[in-house]
Amino acid sequence: MHSTEEELEKQARSIVIAKMTYKYVVLLWALVIAGLVLIWSLTTPGGYFWPMWPAFGMGIAATFWGLSLYGRGPFHVKQSQVEKEMERLRSQQGR
């Protein structure tokens, strides 16, 4: 394999791992929210529905993380930004 092929495979592997991690974390968050709803229903059924606040916070985090990961939204990393950072790191190594 050429070095460019190895680099491409490494980059692709990192992307796949990041997307899998995202899916598992979102699943974990859904389980946590389900647990919070269960606690609420066992302790204060019909009372103030406080699990909405952690669900809301986790939902915002999941949304922005997903938008960034899947190449949409304000947090998407552009190739030009990556190249600029690579140049900065190369210049620091050459000091």
C-alpha atoms as a PDB file:
ATOM      1  CA  MET A   1       0.000   0.000   0.000  1.00  0.00           C
ATOM      2  CA  HIS A   2       1.272   3.470  -0.813  1.00  0.00           C
ATOM      3  CA  SER A   3       1.674   5.943   2.017  1.00  0.00           C
ATOM      4  CA  THR A   4      -1.220   7.998   0.629  1.00  0.00           C
ATOM      5  CA  GLU A   5      -3.413   4.874   0.649  1.00  0.00           C
ATOM      6  CA  GLU A   6      -2.370   4.175   4.239  1.00  0.00           C
ATOM      7  CA  GLU A   7      -3.158   7.754   5.223  1.00  0.00           C
ATOM      8  CA  LEU A   8      -6.520   7.567   3.461  1.00  0.00           C
ATOM      9  CA  GLU A   9      -7.345   4.300   5.225  1.00  0.00           C
ATOM     10  CA  LYS A  10      -6.337   5.799   8.588  1.00  0.00           C
ATOM     11  CA  GLN A  11      -8.515   8.856   7.959  1.00  0.00           C
ATOM     12  CA  ALA A  12     -11.469   6.713   6.844  1.00  0.00           C
ATOM     13  CA  ARG A  13     -11.069   4.460   9.889  1.00  0.00           C
ATOM     14  CA  SER A  14     -11.095   7.512  12.184  1.00  0.00           C
ATOM     15  CA  ILE A  15     -14.291   8.795  10.580  1.00  0.00           C
ATOM     16  CA  VAL A  16     -16.010   5.421  10.898  1.00  0.00           C
ATOM     17  CA  ILE A  17     -14.964   5.146  14.557  1.00  0.00           C
ATOM     18  CA  ALA A  18     -16.200   8.674  15.280  1.00  0.00           C
ATOM     19  CA  LYS A  19     -19.590   7.970  13.683  1.00  0.00           C
ATOM     20  CA  MET A  20     -19.966   4.672  15.545  1.00  0.00           C
ATOM     21  CA  THR A  21     -19.022   6.353  18.818  1.00  0.00           C
ATOM     22  CA  TYR A  22     -21.598   9.079  18.189  1.00  0.00           C
ATOM     23  CA  LYS A  23     -24.351   6.515  17.611  1.00  0.00           C
ATOM     24  CA  TYR A  24     -23.479   4.607  20.791  1.00  0.00           C
ATOM     25  CA  VAL A  25     -23.323   7.782  22.882  1.00  0.00           C
ATOM     26  CA  VAL A  26     -26.718   8.918  21.576  1.00  0.00           C
ATOM     27  CA  LEU A  27     -28.105   5.477  22.450  1.00  0.00           C
ATOM     28  CA  LEU A  28     -26.575   5.772  25.933  1.00  0.00           C
ATOM     29  CA  TRP A  29     -28.126   9.225  26.360  1.00  0.00           C
ATOM     30  CA  ALA A  30     -31.523   7.821  25.312  1.00  0.00           C
ATOM     31  CA  LEU A  31     -31.177   5.103  27.963  1.00  0.00           C
ATOM     32  CA  VAL A  32     -30.236   7.707  30.593  1.00  0.00           C
ATOM     33  CA  ILE A  33     -33.273   9.808  29.669  1.00  0.00           C
ATOM     34  CA  ALA A  34     -35.495   6.714  29.843  1.00  0.00           C
ATOM     35  CA  GLY A  35     -34.068   6.022  33.305  1.00  0.00           C
ATOM     36  CA  LEU A  36     -34.757   9.584  34.398  1.00  0.00           C
ATOM     37  CA  VAL A  37     -38.344   9.346  33.142  1.00  0.00           C
ATOM     38  CA  LEU A  38     -38.730   6.072  35.041  1.00  0.00           C
ATOM     39  CA  ILE A  39     -37.419   7.710  38.233  1.00  0.00           C
ATOM     40  CA  TRP A  40     -39.791  10.644  37.710  1.00  0.00           C
ATOM     41  CA  SER A  41     -42.771   8.350  37.121  1.00  0.00           C
ATOM     42  CA  LEU A  42     -42.002   6.298  40.253  1.00  0.00           C
ATOM     43  CA  THR A  43     -41.383   9.266  42.537  1.00  0.00           C
ATOM     44  CA  THR A  44     -43.599  12.116  41.351  1.00  0.00           C
ATOM     45  CA  PRO A  45     -46.064  10.861  38.728  1.00  0.00           C
ATOM     46  CA  GLY A  46     -48.149  13.715  37.441  1.00  0.00           C
ATOM     47  CA  GLY A  47     -45.795  16.227  39.071  1.00  0.00           C
ATOM     48  CA  TYR A  48     -43.428  18.650  37.372  1.00  0.00           C
ATOM     49  CA  PHE A  49     -41.739  16.842  34.488  1.00  0.00           C
ATOM     50  CA  TRP A  50     -38.121  17.674  35.344  1.00  0.00           C
ATOM     51  CA  PRO A  51     -36.515  15.043  33.008  1.00  0.00           C
ATOM     52  CA  MET A  52     -37.193  17.422  30.128  1.00  0.00           C
ATOM     53  CA  TRP A  53     -34.236  19.580  31.196  1.00  0.00           C
ATOM     54  CA  PRO A  54     -31.500  16.919  31.001  1.00  0.00           C
ATOM     55  CA  ALA A  55     -33.138  15.587  27.815  1.00  0.00           C
ATOM     56  CA  PHE A  56     -33.114  19.087  26.338  1.00  0.00           C
ATOM     57  CA  GLY A  57     -29.419  19.588  27.195  1.00  0.00           C
ATOM     58  CA  MET A  58     -28.390  16.195  25.842  1.00  0.00           C
ATOM     59  CA  GLY A  59     -30.466  16.810  22.723  1.00  0.00           C
ATOM     60  CA  ILE A  60     -28.685  20.095  22.024  1.00  0.00           C
ATOM     61  CA  ALA A  61     -25.280  18.451  22.513  1.00  0.00           C
ATOM     62  CA  ALA A  62     -26.224  15.496  20.284  1.00  0.00           C
ATOM     63  CA  THR A  63     -27.536  17.822  17.579  1.00  0.00           C
ATOM     64  CA  PHE A  64     -24.422  19.977  17.360  1.00  0.00           C
ATOM     65  CA  TRP A  65     -22.092  16.972  17.597  1.00  0.00           C
ATOM     66  CA  GLY A  66     -24.022  15.175  14.851  1.00  0.00           C
ATOM     67  CA  LEU A  67     -24.101  18.224  12.586  1.00  0.00           C
ATOM     68  CA  SER A  68     -20.368  18.624  12.975  1.00  0.00           C
ATOM     69  CA  LEU A  69     -19.653  14.932  12.491  1.00  0.00           C
ATOM     70  CA  TYR A  70     -21.801  14.528   9.393  1.00  0.00           C
ATOM     71  CA  GLY A  71     -20.462  17.661   7.701  1.00  0.00           C
ATOM     72  CA  ARG A  72     -23.272  20.111   8.246  1.00  0.00           C
ATOM     73  CA  GLY A  73     -23.762  23.074  10.469  1.00  0.00           C
ATOM     74  CA  PRO A  74     -21.550  25.778  11.917  1.00  0.00           C
ATOM     75  CA  PHE A  75     -18.970  23.445  13.470  1.00  0.00           C
ATOM     76  CA  HIS A  76     -17.949  21.568  10.347  1.00  0.00           C
ATOM     77  CA  VAL A  77     -14.176  21.498   9.915  1.00  0.00           C
ATOM     78  CA  LYS A  78     -13.056  22.663   6.489  1.00  0.00           C
ATOM     79  CA  GLN A  79     -10.082  21.134   4.716  1.00  0.00           C
ATOM     80  CA  SER A  80      -8.470  24.581   4.487  1.00  0.00           C
ATOM     81  CA  GLN A  81      -8.578  24.831   8.300  1.00  0.00           C
ATOM     82  CA  VAL A  82      -6.924  21.432   8.638  1.00  0.00           C
ATOM     83  CA  GLU A  83      -4.193  22.370   6.153  1.00  0.00           C
ATOM     84  CA  LYS A  84      -3.560  25.679   7.944  1.00  0.00           C
ATOM     85  CA  GLU A  85      -3.216  23.868  11.281  1.00  0.00           C
ATOM     86  CA  MET A  86      -0.889  21.296   9.704  1.00  0.00           C
ATOM     87  CA  GLU A  87       1.330  24.110   8.428  1.00  0.00           C
ATOM     88  CA  ARG A  88       1.376  25.690  11.885  1.00  0.00           C
ATOM     89  CA  LEU A  89       2.411  22.378  13.454  1.00  0.00           C
ATOM     90  CA  ARG A  90       5.107  21.821  10.831  1.00  0.00           C
ATOM     91  CA  SER A  91       6.544  25.285  11.495  1.00  0.00           C
ATOM     92  CA  GLN A  92       6.627  24.589  15.249  1.00  0.00           C
ATOM     93  CA  GLN A  93       8.470  21.314  14.697  1.00  0.00           C
ATOM     94  CA  GLY A  94      11.082  23.093  12.620  1.00  0.00           C
ATOM     95  CA  ARG A  95      12.045  25.529  15.373  1.00  0.00           C
END
